[in-house]
Amino acid sequence: MIGGCAVLSIEEVNRFTRDDVEAALSMFNEDYVTFPRDDIARLSGMSMPVNKRNWRKQGLHIQFMNLNRQFKVASGECTNGGRPSAQNVVYEWRRQHPEGRKADCRRDTGLDPKTIRKWWDCPSPPLRFRDGHITVPVEPSQAVSDFLVAALAGDD
């Protein structure tokens, strides 16, 4: 580590040394977790800018970023899609554990009990994505069955 950082030093008088590494590592201590950002900047002589939200409040910033993500999705850019729906997690757990209880679901999935109650009695999600494939649940019906039988009989 010292060798890679020492190359970045321009002047011989300002070389990165083992003492610099030890001084930096001494700050990785539980006692300094709440050390104010301004004090660290003053003591180290390095600026520590806050997270950039362009002076927006957090709620407004989140709204802005969500709209930005929606625009990217609409224009075909790759996005991570946001947080996965807990509905799918609860549905899959119930499908695998038909006799399971909400408490068991909470223990196995780690979801909040309110979230489990919200999605417990919901029907299966209309679309499921698994291994790059989209699956759509289809309810069997007599009309579809008759149509398929007629279509197959017509081929003869």
C-alpha atoms as a PDB file:
ATOM      1  CA  MET A   1       0.000   0.000   0.000  1.00  0.00           C
ATOM      2  CA  ILE A   2       2.786   2.405   0.864  1.00  0.00           C
ATOM      3  CA  GLY A   3       4.559   1.790  -2.439  1.00  0.00           C
ATOM      4  CA  GLY A   4       1.472   2.566  -4.535  1.00  0.00           C
ATOM      5  CA  CYS A   5       0.709   5.764  -2.631  1.00  0.00           C
ATOM      6  CA  ALA A   6       4.331   6.901  -2.443  1.00  0.00           C
ATOM      7  CA  VAL A   7       4.372   7.126  -6.245  1.00  0.00           C
ATOM      8  CA  LEU A   8       1.634   9.761  -6.031  1.00  0.00           C
ATOM      9  CA  SER A   9       3.841  12.064  -3.940  1.00  0.00           C
ATOM     10  CA  ILE A  10       5.293  14.877  -6.044  1.00  0.00           C
ATOM     11  CA  GLU A  11       7.915  16.221  -3.657  1.00  0.00           C
ATOM     12  CA  GLU A  12      10.441  14.163  -1.722  1.00  0.00           C
ATOM     13  CA  VAL A  13       9.638  16.077   1.447  1.00  0.00           C
ATOM     14  CA  ASN A  14       5.994  14.979   1.307  1.00  0.00           C
ATOM     15  CA  ARG A  15       6.427  11.191   0.813  1.00  0.00           C
ATOM     16  CA  PHE A  16       3.773   8.785   2.019  1.00  0.00           C
ATOM     17  CA  THR A  17       5.268   6.795   4.892  1.00  0.00           C
ATOM     18  CA  ARG A  18       4.448   3.968   7.268  1.00  0.00           C
ATOM     19  CA  ASP A  19       3.665   6.590   9.943  1.00  0.00           C
ATOM     20  CA  ASP A  20       0.948   8.012   7.669  1.00  0.00           C
ATOM     21  CA  VAL A  21      -0.624   4.562   7.356  1.00  0.00           C
ATOM     22  CA  GLU A  22      -0.501   3.994  11.118  1.00  0.00           C
ATOM     23  CA  ALA A  23      -2.020   7.432  11.785  1.00  0.00           C
ATOM     24  CA  ALA A  24      -4.849   6.670   9.357  1.00  0.00           C
ATOM     25  CA  LEU A  25      -5.460   3.242  10.872  1.00  0.00           C
ATOM     26  CA  SER A  26      -5.602   4.728  14.356  1.00  0.00           C
ATOM     27  CA  MET A  27      -8.789   6.536  13.286  1.00  0.00           C
ATOM     28  CA  PHE A  28     -10.509   3.188  12.613  1.00  0.00           C
ATOM     29  CA  ASN A  29     -11.663   2.890  16.179  1.00  0.00           C
ATOM     30  CA  GLU A  30     -15.168   2.607  17.637  1.00  0.00           C
ATOM     31  CA  ASP A  31     -14.511   5.726  19.711  1.00  0.00           C
ATOM     32  CA  TYR A  32     -14.247   7.851  16.572  1.00  0.00           C
ATOM     33  CA  VAL A  33     -17.441   6.672  14.857  1.00  0.00           C
ATOM     34  CA  THR A  34     -19.298   9.811  15.906  1.00  0.00           C
ATOM     35  CA  PHE A  35     -16.345  12.151  15.383  1.00  0.00           C
ATOM     36  CA  PRO A  36     -17.753  15.207  13.559  1.00  0.00           C
ATOM     37  CA  ARG A  37     -16.959  15.567   9.872  1.00  0.00           C
ATOM     38  CA  ASP A  38     -15.846  19.193  10.294  1.00  0.00           C
ATOM     39  CA  ASP A  39     -13.347  18.256  13.024  1.00  0.00           C
ATOM     40  CA  ILE A  40     -11.853  15.500  10.869  1.00  0.00           C
ATOM     41  CA  ALA A  41     -11.512  17.927   7.962  1.00  0.00           C
ATOM     42  CA  ARG A  42      -9.877  20.545  10.191  1.00  0.00           C
ATOM     43  CA  LEU A  43      -7.412  18.074  11.757  1.00  0.00           C
ATOM     44  CA  SER A  44      -6.508  16.312   8.519  1.00  0.00           C
ATOM     45  CA  GLY A  45      -6.452  19.373   6.297  1.00  0.00           C
ATOM     46  CA  MET A  46      -8.605  17.537   3.746  1.00  0.00           C
ATOM     47  CA  SER A  47     -12.097  18.610   2.754  1.00  0.00           C
ATOM     48  CA  MET A  48     -14.917  16.164   3.443  1.00  0.00           C
ATOM     49  CA  PRO A  49     -17.950  17.329   1.455  1.00  0.00           C
ATOM     50  CA  VAL A  50     -21.354  16.030   2.492  1.00  0.00           C
ATOM     51  CA  ASN A  51     -23.342  13.774   0.180  1.00  0.00           C
ATOM     52  CA  LYS A  52     -24.406  15.807  -2.823  1.00  0.00           C
ATOM     53  CA  ARG A  53     -28.151  16.252  -3.169  1.00  0.00           C
ATOM     54  CA  ASN A  54     -27.959  19.741  -4.701  1.00  0.00           C
ATOM     55  CA  TRP A  55     -29.390  21.272  -1.533  1.00  0.00           C
ATOM     56  CA  ARG A  56     -32.593  19.246  -1.738  1.00  0.00           C
ATOM     57  CA  LYS A  57     -34.212  17.795   1.336  1.00  0.00           C
ATOM     58  CA  GLN A  58     -34.054  14.001   1.482  1.00  0.00           C
ATOM     59  CA  GLY A  59     -37.731  13.435   0.597  1.00  0.00           C
ATOM     60  CA  LEU A  60     -37.555  15.680  -2.439  1.00  0.00           C
ATOM     61  CA  HIS A  61     -34.255  14.133  -3.509  1.00  0.00           C
ATOM     62  CA  ILE A  62     -35.707  10.612  -3.325  1.00  0.00           C
ATOM     63  CA  GLN A  63     -38.713  11.718  -5.378  1.00  0.00           C
ATOM     64  CA  PHE A  64     -36.372  13.285  -7.949  1.00  0.00           C
ATOM     65  CA  MET A  65     -34.238  10.142  -8.192  1.00  0.00           C
ATOM     66  CA  ASN A  66     -37.299   7.877  -8.526  1.00  0.00           C
ATOM     67  CA  LEU A  67     -38.584  10.002 -11.412  1.00  0.00           C
ATOM     68  CA  ASN A  68     -35.113   9.926 -12.942  1.00  0.00           C
ATOM     69  CA  ARG A  69     -35.090   6.116 -12.724  1.00  0.00           C
ATOM     70  CA  GLN A  70     -38.565   5.915 -14.309  1.00  0.00           C
ATOM     71  CA  PHE A  71     -37.325   8.046 -17.187  1.00  0.00           C
ATOM     72  CA  LYS A  72     -34.319   5.765 -17.668  1.00  0.00           C
ATOM     73  CA  VAL A  73     -36.541   2.670 -17.706  1.00  0.00           C
ATOM     74  CA  ALA A  74     -38.916   4.297 -20.213  1.00  0.00           C
ATOM     75  CA  SER A  75     -36.026   5.220 -22.500  1.00  0.00           C
ATOM     76  CA  GLY A  76     -34.602   1.675 -22.339  1.00  0.00           C
ATOM     77  CA  GLU A  77     -31.551   2.324 -20.179  1.00  0.00           C
ATOM     78  CA  CYS A  78     -30.470  -0.446 -17.875  1.00  0.00           C
ATOM     79  CA  THR A  79     -31.425   0.113 -14.237  1.00  0.00           C
ATOM     80  CA  ASN A  80     -31.525  -2.162 -11.253  1.00  0.00           C
ATOM     81  CA  GLY A  81     -35.296  -1.706 -10.997  1.00  0.00           C
ATOM     82  CA  GLY A  82     -35.296  -0.562  -7.396  1.00  0.00           C
ATOM     83  CA  ARG A  83     -36.083  -2.653  -4.376  1.00  0.00           C
ATOM     84  CA  PRO A  84     -37.608  -6.075  -5.155  1.00  0.00           C
ATOM     85  CA  SER A  85     -41.227  -6.487  -4.128  1.00  0.00           C
ATOM     86  CA  ALA A  86     -41.869  -8.244  -0.845  1.00  0.00           C
ATOM     87  CA  GLN A  87     -45.083  -9.585  -2.363  1.00  0.00           C
ATOM     88  CA  ASN A  88     -43.061 -12.075  -4.406  1.00  0.00           C
ATOM     89  CA  VAL A  89     -41.029 -13.128  -1.367  1.00  0.00           C
ATOM     90  CA  VAL A  90     -44.142 -13.768   0.737  1.00  0.00           C
ATOM     91  CA  TYR A  91     -45.917 -15.519  -2.148  1.00  0.00           C
ATOM     92  CA  GLU A  92     -42.976 -17.828  -2.859  1.00  0.00           C
ATOM     93  CA  TRP A  93     -42.591 -18.646   0.846  1.00  0.00           C
ATOM     94  CA  ARG A  94     -46.309 -19.503   1.117  1.00  0.00           C
ATOM     95  CA  ARG A  95     -46.114 -21.622  -2.039  1.00  0.00           C
ATOM     96  CA  GLN A  96     -43.236 -23.621  -0.554  1.00  0.00           C
ATOM     97  CA  HIS A  97     -44.841 -23.822   2.925  1.00  0.00           C
ATOM     98  CA  PRO A  98     -48.613 -24.274   2.417  1.00  0.00           C
ATOM     99  CA  GLU A  99     -49.229 -24.950   6.111  1.00  0.00           C
ATOM    100  CA  GLY A 100     -46.811 -22.255   7.296  1.00  0.00           C
ATOM    101  CA  ARG A 101     -47.624 -19.492   9.753  1.00  0.00           C
ATOM    102  CA  LYS A 102     -46.788 -15.792   9.559  1.00  0.00           C
ATOM    103  CA  ALA A 103     -44.293 -16.190  12.418  1.00  0.00           C
ATOM    104  CA  ASP A 104     -42.479 -18.907  10.464  1.00  0.00           C
ATOM    105  CA  CYS A 105     -42.413 -16.689   7.379  1.00  0.00           C
ATOM    106  CA  ARG A 106     -40.903 -13.870   9.428  1.00  0.00           C
ATOM    107  CA  ARG A 107     -38.207 -16.156  10.837  1.00  0.00           C
ATOM    108  CA  ASP A 108     -37.312 -17.572   7.425  1.00  0.00           C
ATOM    109  CA  THR A 109     -37.427 -14.394   5.319  1.00  0.00           C
ATOM    110  CA  GLY A 110     -36.491 -11.690   7.826  1.00  0.00           C
ATOM    111  CA  LEU A 111     -39.324  -9.469   6.586  1.00  0.00           C
ATOM    112  CA  ASP A 112     -41.146  -7.118   8.915  1.00  0.00           C
ATOM    113  CA  PRO A 113     -44.382  -8.565  10.381  1.00  0.00           C
ATOM    114  CA  LYS A 114     -46.406  -5.635   8.955  1.00  0.00           C
ATOM    115  CA  THR A 115     -45.077  -6.410   5.480  1.00  0.00           C
ATOM    116  CA  ILE A 116     -45.980 -10.075   5.855  1.00  0.00           C
ATOM    117  CA  ARG A 117     -49.520  -9.176   6.995  1.00  0.00           C
ATOM    118  CA  LYS A 118     -49.863  -6.817   4.028  1.00  0.00           C
ATOM    119  CA  TRP A 119     -49.061  -9.493   1.437  1.00  0.00           C
ATOM    120  CA  TRP A 120     -50.247 -12.655   3.264  1.00  0.00           C
ATOM    121  CA  ASP A 121     -53.671 -13.029   1.601  1.00  0.00           C
ATOM    122  CA  CYS A 122     -52.807 -11.424  -1.732  1.00  0.00           C
ATOM    123  CA  PRO A 123     -53.128 -13.477  -4.884  1.00  0.00           C
ATOM    124  CA  SER A 124     -50.036 -14.441  -6.801  1.00  0.00           C
ATOM    125  CA  PRO A 125     -48.344 -11.589  -8.639  1.00  0.00           C
ATOM    126  CA  PRO A 126     -49.474 -11.435 -12.275  1.00  0.00           C
ATOM    127  CA  LEU A 127     -45.938 -11.633 -13.654  1.00  0.00           C
ATOM    128  CA  ARG A 128     -42.982 -13.408 -12.135  1.00  0.00           C
ATOM    129  CA  PHE A 129     -39.379 -13.095 -13.256  1.00  0.00           C
ATOM    130  CA  ARG A 130     -37.123 -16.065 -12.601  1.00  0.00           C
ATOM    131  CA  ASP A 131     -33.811 -16.955 -14.237  1.00  0.00           C
ATOM    132  CA  GLY A 132     -34.388 -14.400 -16.984  1.00  0.00           C
ATOM    133  CA  HIS A 133     -37.824 -15.825 -17.883  1.00  0.00           C
ATOM    134  CA  ILE A 134     -41.232 -14.257 -17.416  1.00  0.00           C
ATOM    135  CA  THR A 135     -43.975 -16.582 -16.180  1.00  0.00           C
ATOM    136  CA  VAL A 136     -47.672 -15.793 -16.163  1.00  0.00           C
ATOM    137  CA  PRO A 137     -50.046 -17.863 -14.035  1.00  0.00           C
ATOM    138  CA  VAL A 138     -52.887 -19.254 -16.141  1.00  0.00           C
ATOM    139  CA  GLU A 139     -56.144 -20.535 -14.673  1.00  0.00           C
ATOM    140  CA  PRO A 140     -57.451 -23.621 -16.467  1.00  0.00           C
ATOM    141  CA  SER A 141     -60.892 -23.142 -17.956  1.00  0.00           C
ATOM    142  CA  GLN A 142     -63.326 -25.292 -19.881  1.00  0.00           C
ATOM    143  CA  ALA A 143     -63.590 -22.714 -22.667  1.00  0.00           C
ATOM    144  CA  VAL A 144     -59.840 -22.778 -23.302  1.00  0.00           C
ATOM    145  CA  SER A 145     -59.832 -26.568 -23.155  1.00  0.00           C
ATOM    146  CA  ASP A 146     -62.694 -26.805 -25.684  1.00  0.00           C
ATOM    147  CA  PHE A 147     -60.925 -24.315 -27.962  1.00  0.00           C
ATOM    148  CA  LEU A 148     -57.704 -26.327 -27.916  1.00  0.00           C
ATOM    149  CA  VAL A 149     -59.529 -29.619 -28.542  1.00  0.00           C
ATOM    150  CA  ALA A 150     -61.376 -28.059 -31.474  1.00  0.00           C
ATOM    151  CA  ALA A 151     -58.169 -26.562 -32.868  1.00  0.00           C
ATOM    152  CA  LEU A 152     -56.374 -29.897 -32.646  1.00  0.00           C
ATOM    153  CA  ALA A 153     -59.338 -31.758 -34.174  1.00  0.00           C
ATOM    154  CA  GLY A 154     -59.391 -29.287 -37.060  1.00  0.00           C
ATOM    155  CA  ASP A 155     -55.802 -30.214 -37.990  1.00  0.00           C
ATOM    156  CA  ASP A 156     -56.808 -33.803 -38.863  1.00  0.00           C
END
